């Protein structure tokens, strides 16, 4: 890992830590002023750090962030998280593209939990720290 990768990983860790703490300013310091945030599932695009910060800052739910994994290098990074909205966990994958040390484009996907069908339970084992939900 390069020094640049170490700095980017540190910035991502600070972004998620600030998200958990509700520190809107620190949470959005990672974004370029003209950054783009896409939510493909709803078709929404937020253009600019101010718009990204405003839509997150105005979220009515109580939110908590648990980072499961951060992987990447260079200008491409992926964070896998559980974001809990009012006590309901939602899995999230955030793909961040960096330019000049800031996020220029983020695409974030959200997925709700689902139960495993009976037919495949004999083939699976629980993920670490989890139990397999039944359909």
C-alpha atoms as a PDB file:
ATOM      1  CA  UNK A   1       0.000   0.000   0.000  1.00  0.00           C
ATOM      2  CA  UNK A   2       1.356   3.415  -0.948  1.00  0.00           C
ATOM      3  CA  UNK A   3       1.438   6.486   1.285  1.00  0.00           C
ATOM      4  CA  UNK A   4      -1.364   7.890  -0.871  1.00  0.00           C
ATOM      5  CA  UNK A   5      -3.433   4.745  -0.246  1.00  0.00           C
ATOM      6  CA  UNK A   6      -2.770   5.052   3.490  1.00  0.00           C
ATOM      7  CA  UNK A   7      -4.024   8.663   3.422  1.00  0.00           C
ATOM      8  CA  UNK A   8      -7.124   7.685   1.448  1.00  0.00           C
ATOM      9  CA  UNK A   9      -7.918   4.789   3.784  1.00  0.00           C
ATOM     10  CA  UNK A  10      -7.501   7.150   6.740  1.00  0.00           C
ATOM     11  CA  UNK A  11      -9.840   9.687   5.113  1.00  0.00           C
ATOM     12  CA  UNK A  12     -12.438   6.950   4.531  1.00  0.00           C
ATOM     13  CA  UNK A  13     -12.175   5.730   8.114  1.00  0.00           C
ATOM     14  CA  UNK A  14     -12.639   9.325   9.321  1.00  0.00           C
ATOM     15  CA  UNK A  15     -15.617   9.793   6.966  1.00  0.00           C
ATOM     16  CA  UNK A  16     -17.427   6.766   8.411  1.00  0.00           C
ATOM     17  CA  UNK A  17     -16.451   7.652  11.997  1.00  0.00           C
ATOM     18  CA  UNK A  18     -17.842  11.184  11.488  1.00  0.00           C
ATOM     19  CA  UNK A  19     -20.986   9.687   9.908  1.00  0.00           C
ATOM     20  CA  UNK A  20     -21.553   7.592  13.031  1.00  0.00           C
ATOM     21  CA  UNK A  21     -20.969  10.598  15.305  1.00  0.00           C
ATOM     22  CA  UNK A  22     -23.281  12.843  13.290  1.00  0.00           C
ATOM     23  CA  UNK A  23     -20.455  15.297  12.568  1.00  0.00           C
ATOM     24  CA  UNK A  24     -21.817  16.597   9.242  1.00  0.00           C
ATOM     25  CA  UNK A  25     -18.841  18.864   8.511  1.00  0.00           C
ATOM     26  CA  UNK A  26     -16.199  16.165   9.063  1.00  0.00           C
ATOM     27  CA  UNK A  27     -18.359  13.554   7.307  1.00  0.00           C
ATOM     28  CA  UNK A  28     -18.431  15.608   4.102  1.00  0.00           C
ATOM     29  CA  UNK A  29     -14.855  16.944   4.126  1.00  0.00           C
ATOM     30  CA  UNK A  30     -13.902  13.932   1.983  1.00  0.00           C
ATOM     31  CA  UNK A  31     -15.949  15.214  -0.993  1.00  0.00           C
ATOM     32  CA  UNK A  32     -14.717  17.566  -3.701  1.00  0.00           C
ATOM     33  CA  UNK A  33     -16.823  20.748  -3.906  1.00  0.00           C
ATOM     34  CA  UNK A  34     -18.312  19.517  -7.211  1.00  0.00           C
ATOM     35  CA  UNK A  35     -18.644  15.844  -6.210  1.00  0.00           C
ATOM     36  CA  UNK A  36     -21.506  13.687  -7.476  1.00  0.00           C
ATOM     37  CA  UNK A  37     -23.419  11.147  -5.373  1.00  0.00           C
ATOM     38  CA  UNK A  38     -25.640   8.623  -7.162  1.00  0.00           C
ATOM     39  CA  UNK A  39     -28.302   6.371  -5.625  1.00  0.00           C
ATOM     40  CA  UNK A  40     -29.050   3.970  -8.534  1.00  0.00           C
ATOM     41  CA  UNK A  41     -31.989   2.287  -6.827  1.00  0.00           C
ATOM     42  CA  UNK A  42     -33.991   5.529  -6.591  1.00  0.00           C
ATOM     43  CA  UNK A  43     -32.444   7.261  -9.618  1.00  0.00           C
ATOM     44  CA  UNK A  44     -31.318  10.253  -7.530  1.00  0.00           C
ATOM     45  CA  UNK A  45     -28.180  12.243  -8.262  1.00  0.00           C
ATOM     46  CA  UNK A  46     -26.868  14.859  -5.852  1.00  0.00           C
ATOM     47  CA  UNK A  47     -24.452  17.345  -7.367  1.00  0.00           C
ATOM     48  CA  UNK A  48     -21.975  19.168  -5.143  1.00  0.00           C
ATOM     49  CA  UNK A  49     -20.730  18.739  -1.580  1.00  0.00           C
ATOM     50  CA  UNK A  50     -23.390  21.157  -0.274  1.00  0.00           C
ATOM     51  CA  UNK A  51     -26.265  19.147  -1.790  1.00  0.00           C
ATOM     52  CA  UNK A  52     -24.782  15.844  -0.576  1.00  0.00           C
ATOM     53  CA  UNK A  53     -24.397  17.225   2.937  1.00  0.00           C
ATOM     54  CA  UNK A  54     -27.870  18.799   2.969  1.00  0.00           C
ATOM     55  CA  UNK A  55     -29.678  15.618   1.949  1.00  0.00           C
ATOM     56  CA  UNK A  56     -27.845  13.545   4.553  1.00  0.00           C
ATOM     57  CA  UNK A  57     -28.127  16.197   7.249  1.00  0.00           C
ATOM     58  CA  UNK A  58     -31.865  16.381   6.712  1.00  0.00           C
ATOM     59  CA  UNK A  59     -32.428  12.643   7.105  1.00  0.00           C
ATOM     60  CA  UNK A  60     -35.261  12.176   9.623  1.00  0.00           C
ATOM     61  CA  UNK A  61     -34.163   8.730  10.894  1.00  0.00           C
ATOM     62  CA  UNK A  62     -31.772   7.937  13.692  1.00  0.00           C
ATOM     63  CA  UNK A  63     -28.746   6.527  11.836  1.00  0.00           C
ATOM     64  CA  UNK A  64     -25.826   4.347  12.887  1.00  0.00           C
ATOM     65  CA  UNK A  65     -22.936   3.147  10.741  1.00  0.00           C
ATOM     66  CA  UNK A  66     -20.955  -0.082  11.067  1.00  0.00           C
ATOM     67  CA  UNK A  67     -18.120  -0.514   8.584  1.00  0.00           C
ATOM     68  CA  UNK A  68     -17.651  -4.145   7.598  1.00  0.00           C
ATOM     69  CA  UNK A  69     -14.808  -3.678   5.128  1.00  0.00           C
ATOM     70  CA  UNK A  70     -12.912  -1.035   3.189  1.00  0.00           C
ATOM     71  CA  UNK A  71     -10.999  -2.188   0.119  1.00  0.00           C
ATOM     72  CA  UNK A  72      -9.351  -0.372  -2.721  1.00  0.00           C
ATOM     73  CA  UNK A  73      -6.314   1.390  -3.984  1.00  0.00           C
ATOM     74  CA  UNK A  74      -5.395   4.365  -6.080  1.00  0.00           C
ATOM     75  CA  UNK A  75      -8.506   6.276  -7.091  1.00  0.00           C
ATOM     76  CA  UNK A  76     -11.078   3.464  -6.562  1.00  0.00           C
ATOM     77  CA  UNK A  77     -12.349   2.478  -3.102  1.00  0.00           C
ATOM     78  CA  UNK A  78     -15.279   0.390  -1.847  1.00  0.00           C
ATOM     79  CA  UNK A  79     -16.807   0.439   1.627  1.00  0.00           C
ATOM     80  CA  UNK A  80     -19.200  -2.249   2.802  1.00  0.00           C
ATOM     81  CA  UNK A  81     -21.343  -1.050   5.694  1.00  0.00           C
ATOM     82  CA  UNK A  82     -24.447  -1.683   7.694  1.00  0.00           C
ATOM     83  CA  UNK A  83     -26.422   1.523   8.090  1.00  0.00           C
ATOM     84  CA  UNK A  84     -29.114   1.225  10.719  1.00  0.00           C
ATOM     85  CA  UNK A  85     -32.094   3.545  10.221  1.00  0.00           C
ATOM     86  CA  UNK A  86     -34.365   3.791  13.285  1.00  0.00           C
ATOM     87  CA  UNK A  87     -33.154   0.375  14.438  1.00  0.00           C
ATOM     88  CA  UNK A  88     -33.542  -1.385  11.062  1.00  0.00           C
ATOM     89  CA  UNK A  89     -30.270  -2.519   9.449  1.00  0.00           C
ATOM     90  CA  UNK A  90     -29.671  -1.888   5.755  1.00  0.00           C
ATOM     91  CA  UNK A  91     -26.610  -3.177   3.944  1.00  0.00           C
ATOM     92  CA  UNK A  92     -24.747  -0.612   1.874  1.00  0.00           C
ATOM     93  CA  UNK A  93     -21.954  -0.678  -0.671  1.00  0.00           C
ATOM     94  CA  UNK A  94     -20.300   2.638  -1.379  1.00  0.00           C
ATOM     95  CA  UNK A  95     -18.059   2.944  -4.431  1.00  0.00           C
ATOM     96  CA  UNK A  96     -15.930   6.082  -4.256  1.00  0.00           C
ATOM     97  CA  UNK A  97     -13.805   7.487  -7.060  1.00  0.00           C
ATOM     98  CA  UNK A  98     -11.121   9.928  -5.931  1.00  0.00           C
ATOM     99  CA  UNK A  99      -9.531  12.813  -7.807  1.00  0.00           C
ATOM    100  CA  UNK A 100      -6.831  14.950  -6.194  1.00  0.00           C
ATOM    101  CA  UNK A 101      -7.438  13.400  -2.766  1.00  0.00           C
ATOM    102  CA  UNK A 102     -11.209  13.973  -2.647  1.00  0.00           C
ATOM    103  CA  UNK A 103     -14.259  11.978  -3.679  1.00  0.00           C
ATOM    104  CA  UNK A 104     -15.310  13.110  -7.148  1.00  0.00           C
ATOM    105  CA  UNK A 105     -18.027  10.483  -7.617  1.00  0.00           C
ATOM    106  CA  UNK A 106     -19.737   8.104  -5.220  1.00  0.00           C
ATOM    107  CA  UNK A 107     -22.278   5.457  -6.105  1.00  0.00           C
ATOM    108  CA  UNK A 108     -24.074   3.979  -3.118  1.00  0.00           C
ATOM    109  CA  UNK A 109     -26.246   0.853  -3.198  1.00  0.00           C
ATOM    110  CA  UNK A 110     -28.627  -0.183  -0.409  1.00  0.00           C
ATOM    111  CA  UNK A 111     -30.085  -3.623   0.309  1.00  0.00           C
ATOM    112  CA  UNK A 112     -32.445  -4.878   2.973  1.00  0.00           C
ATOM    113  CA  UNK A 113     -31.883  -8.192   4.727  1.00  0.00           C
ATOM    114  CA  UNK A 114     -33.717 -11.254   3.432  1.00  0.00           C
ATOM    115  CA  UNK A 115     -34.235 -14.778   4.664  1.00  0.00           C
ATOM    116  CA  UNK A 116     -32.447 -17.740   3.126  1.00  0.00           C
ATOM    117  CA  UNK A 117     -34.678 -20.299   1.397  1.00  0.00           C
ATOM    118  CA  UNK A 118     -34.874 -23.732   2.969  1.00  0.00           C
ATOM    119  CA  UNK A 119     -33.416 -25.503  -0.094  1.00  0.00           C
ATOM    120  CA  UNK A 120     -29.963 -23.950   0.308  1.00  0.00           C
ATOM    121  CA  UNK A 121     -29.497 -23.860   4.098  1.00  0.00           C
ATOM    122  CA  UNK A 122     -27.558 -27.153   4.068  1.00  0.00           C
ATOM    123  CA  UNK A 123     -25.015 -25.558   1.699  1.00  0.00           C
ATOM    124  CA  UNK A 124     -24.369 -22.436   3.774  1.00  0.00           C
ATOM    125  CA  UNK A 125     -22.667 -21.510   6.994  1.00  0.00           C
ATOM    126  CA  UNK A 126     -23.285 -18.300   8.926  1.00  0.00           C
ATOM    127  CA  UNK A 127     -21.105 -15.305   8.200  1.00  0.00           C
ATOM    128  CA  UNK A 128     -18.866 -14.356  11.171  1.00  0.00           C
ATOM    129  CA  UNK A 129     -20.955 -12.777  13.914  1.00  0.00           C
ATOM    130  CA  UNK A 130     -24.231 -13.555  12.143  1.00  0.00           C
ATOM    131  CA  UNK A 131     -26.964 -16.163  12.102  1.00  0.00           C
ATOM    132  CA  UNK A 132     -28.690 -17.293   8.936  1.00  0.00           C
ATOM    133  CA  UNK A 133     -32.142 -15.740   8.686  1.00  0.00           C
ATOM    134  CA  UNK A 134     -34.885 -18.109   7.560  1.00  0.00           C
ATOM    135  CA  UNK A 135     -37.168 -17.198   4.680  1.00  0.00           C
END
